[in-house]
Amino acid sequence: MKEQEFLQQIRLDRVTLKAWIEEDWLIPAKTSGELDFTEIDLARARLIVELQTDMGVNDEGIGVILHLLDQLHGLRRAMKDLLGAAHAPGTPTRES
């Protein structure tokens, strides 16, 4: 989705969006020189809003939380890959 639609869906202003991108809280793709947002970006932005407004988390805390979430998702992907490789046909087992 393009920037304007993203801003409307999340009810955010451009200045705040720019700050979030500069902080690497959101990393939209760039296609044809325009920012292009995914559903994941939208979910992440909603999380940021919730952390700020509902939970009162400050900017430093949001950065830490997002970093930890990114690490967690990376570890989950790595674990899934390892499990997939371990169960792949032709993989030696203990009984072999």
C-alpha atoms as a PDB file:
ATOM      1  CA  MET A   1       0.000   0.000   0.000  1.00  0.00           C
ATOM      2  CA  LYS A   2       1.172   3.506  -0.697  1.00  0.00           C
ATOM      3  CA  GLU A   3       2.073   6.089   1.940  1.00  0.00           C
ATOM      4  CA  GLN A   4      -1.188   8.038   1.890  1.00  0.00           C
ATOM      5  CA  GLU A   5      -3.320   4.933   2.380  1.00  0.00           C
ATOM      6  CA  PHE A   6      -1.003   3.760   5.178  1.00  0.00           C
ATOM      7  CA  LEU A   7      -1.261   7.134   6.930  1.00  0.00           C
ATOM      8  CA  GLN A   8      -5.049   7.051   6.687  1.00  0.00           C
ATOM      9  CA  GLN A   9      -5.355   3.507   8.003  1.00  0.00           C
ATOM     10  CA  ILE A  10      -3.110   4.114  10.992  1.00  0.00           C
ATOM     11  CA  ARG A  11      -4.311   7.716  11.494  1.00  0.00           C
ATOM     12  CA  LEU A  12      -0.774   9.046  11.521  1.00  0.00           C
ATOM     13  CA  ASP A  13       0.833  12.243  10.263  1.00  0.00           C
ATOM     14  CA  ARG A  14       3.794  12.349   7.863  1.00  0.00           C
ATOM     15  CA  VAL A  15       6.156  13.902  10.421  1.00  0.00           C
ATOM     16  CA  THR A  16       5.597  11.026  12.852  1.00  0.00           C
ATOM     17  CA  LEU A  17       5.908   8.461  10.070  1.00  0.00           C
ATOM     18  CA  LYS A  18       9.205   9.992   8.983  1.00  0.00           C
ATOM     19  CA  ALA A  19      10.494   9.829  12.573  1.00  0.00           C
ATOM     20  CA  TRP A  20       9.489   6.163  12.880  1.00  0.00           C
ATOM     21  CA  ILE A  21      11.287   5.353   9.635  1.00  0.00           C
ATOM     22  CA  GLU A  22      14.399   7.241  10.778  1.00  0.00           C
ATOM     23  CA  GLU A  23      14.366   5.198  13.997  1.00  0.00           C
ATOM     24  CA  ASP A  24      14.033   2.000  11.893  1.00  0.00           C
ATOM     25  CA  TRP A  25      10.774   1.168  13.658  1.00  0.00           C
ATOM     26  CA  LEU A  26       9.285   0.792  10.188  1.00  0.00           C
ATOM     27  CA  ILE A  27      11.276  -0.159   7.101  1.00  0.00           C
ATOM     28  CA  PRO A  28       8.968   0.141   4.098  1.00  0.00           C
ATOM     29  CA  ALA A  29      10.068  -0.964   0.655  1.00  0.00           C
ATOM     30  CA  LYS A  30      10.738   1.670  -1.981  1.00  0.00           C
ATOM     31  CA  THR A  31       9.247   1.091  -5.397  1.00  0.00           C
ATOM     32  CA  SER A  32       9.595   3.694  -8.117  1.00  0.00           C
ATOM     33  CA  GLY A  33      10.844   6.174  -5.528  1.00  0.00           C
ATOM     34  CA  GLU A  34       7.698   5.792  -3.405  1.00  0.00           C
ATOM     35  CA  LEU A  35       7.326   4.150  -0.021  1.00  0.00           C
ATOM     36  CA  ASP A  36       5.402   0.900  -0.187  1.00  0.00           C
ATOM     37  CA  PHE A  37       3.940  -0.541   3.025  1.00  0.00           C
ATOM     38  CA  THR A  38       2.840  -4.100   3.760  1.00  0.00           C
ATOM     39  CA  GLU A  39       0.286  -5.532   6.157  1.00  0.00           C
ATOM     40  CA  ILE A  40       3.220  -6.325   8.462  1.00  0.00           C
ATOM     41  CA  ASP A  41       4.164  -2.623   8.485  1.00  0.00           C
ATOM     42  CA  LEU A  42       0.572  -1.792   9.330  1.00  0.00           C
ATOM     43  CA  ALA A  43       0.498  -4.299  12.213  1.00  0.00           C
ATOM     44  CA  ARG A  44       3.829  -2.979  13.510  1.00  0.00           C
ATOM     45  CA  ALA A  45       2.570   0.605  13.375  1.00  0.00           C
ATOM     46  CA  ARG A  46      -0.560  -0.385  15.282  1.00  0.00           C
ATOM     47  CA  LEU A  47       1.656  -2.015  17.904  1.00  0.00           C
ATOM     48  CA  ILE A  48       3.719   1.173  18.205  1.00  0.00           C
ATOM     49  CA  VAL A  49       0.564   3.259  18.663  1.00  0.00           C
ATOM     50  CA  GLU A  50      -0.723   0.825  21.287  1.00  0.00           C
ATOM     51  CA  LEU A  51       2.583   0.859  23.157  1.00  0.00           C
ATOM     52  CA  GLN A  52       2.611   4.664  23.170  1.00  0.00           C
ATOM     53  CA  THR A  53      -1.009   5.438  23.916  1.00  0.00           C
ATOM     54  CA  ASP A  54      -2.377   2.486  25.875  1.00  0.00           C
ATOM     55  CA  MET A  55       0.748   1.465  27.750  1.00  0.00           C
ATOM     56  CA  GLY A  56       2.617   4.758  28.017  1.00  0.00           C
ATOM     57  CA  VAL A  57       5.908   3.329  26.729  1.00  0.00           C
ATOM     58  CA  ASN A  58       8.461   6.019  25.845  1.00  0.00           C
ATOM     59  CA  ASP A  59      10.418   6.120  22.582  1.00  0.00           C
ATOM     60  CA  GLU A  60      13.487   4.411  24.029  1.00  0.00           C
ATOM     61  CA  GLY A  61      11.320   1.604  25.391  1.00  0.00           C
ATOM     62  CA  ILE A  62       9.568   1.178  22.049  1.00  0.00           C
ATOM     63  CA  GLY A  63      12.935   0.800  20.323  1.00  0.00           C
ATOM     64  CA  VAL A  64      13.963  -1.897  22.804  1.00  0.00           C
ATOM     65  CA  ILE A  65      10.641  -3.742  22.504  1.00  0.00           C
ATOM     66  CA  LEU A  66      10.728  -3.716  18.696  1.00  0.00           C
ATOM     67  CA  HIS A  67      14.348  -4.928  18.692  1.00  0.00           C
ATOM     68  CA  LEU A  68      13.469  -7.809  21.020  1.00  0.00           C
ATOM     69  CA  LEU A  69      10.439  -8.737  18.904  1.00  0.00           C
ATOM     70  CA  ASP A  70      12.610  -8.760  15.783  1.00  0.00           C
ATOM     71  CA  GLN A  71      15.111 -11.042  17.510  1.00  0.00           C
ATOM     72  CA  LEU A  72      12.336 -13.361  18.649  1.00  0.00           C
ATOM     73  CA  HIS A  73      10.913 -13.643  15.133  1.00  0.00           C
ATOM     74  CA  GLY A  74      14.403 -14.275  13.739  1.00  0.00           C
ATOM     75  CA  LEU A  75      14.969 -17.068  16.246  1.00  0.00           C
ATOM     76  CA  ARG A  76      11.590 -18.605  15.427  1.00  0.00           C
ATOM     77  CA  ARG A  77      12.483 -18.610  11.718  1.00  0.00           C
ATOM     78  CA  ALA A  78      15.859 -20.197  12.447  1.00  0.00           C
ATOM     79  CA  MET A  79      14.260 -22.864  14.639  1.00  0.00           C
ATOM     80  CA  LYS A  80      11.678 -23.616  11.952  1.00  0.00           C
ATOM     81  CA  ASP A  81      14.459 -23.988   9.372  1.00  0.00           C
ATOM     82  CA  LEU A  82      16.411 -26.302  11.665  1.00  0.00           C
ATOM     83  CA  LEU A  83      13.369 -28.451  12.358  1.00  0.00           C
ATOM     84  CA  GLY A  84      12.570 -28.606   8.666  1.00  0.00           C
ATOM     85  CA  ALA A  85      16.116 -29.717   7.850  1.00  0.00           C
ATOM     86  CA  ALA A  86      16.052 -32.304  10.631  1.00  0.00           C
ATOM     87  CA  HIS A  87      12.859 -33.842   9.264  1.00  0.00           C
ATOM     88  CA  ALA A  88      13.840 -33.689   5.596  1.00  0.00           C
ATOM     89  CA  PRO A  89      13.931 -36.980   3.684  1.00  0.00           C
ATOM     90  CA  GLY A  90      17.405 -38.497   3.669  1.00  0.00           C
ATOM     91  CA  THR A  91      18.424 -36.865   6.942  1.00  0.00           C
ATOM     92  CA  PRO A  92      20.297 -39.374   9.113  1.00  0.00           C
ATOM     93  CA  THR A  93      18.571 -40.312  12.371  1.00  0.00           C
ATOM     94  CA  ARG A  94      19.960 -41.777  15.572  1.00  0.00           C
ATOM     95  CA  GLU A  95      18.764 -45.200  14.514  1.00  0.00           C
ATOM     96  CA  SER A  96      20.832 -45.020  11.269  1.00  0.00           C
END
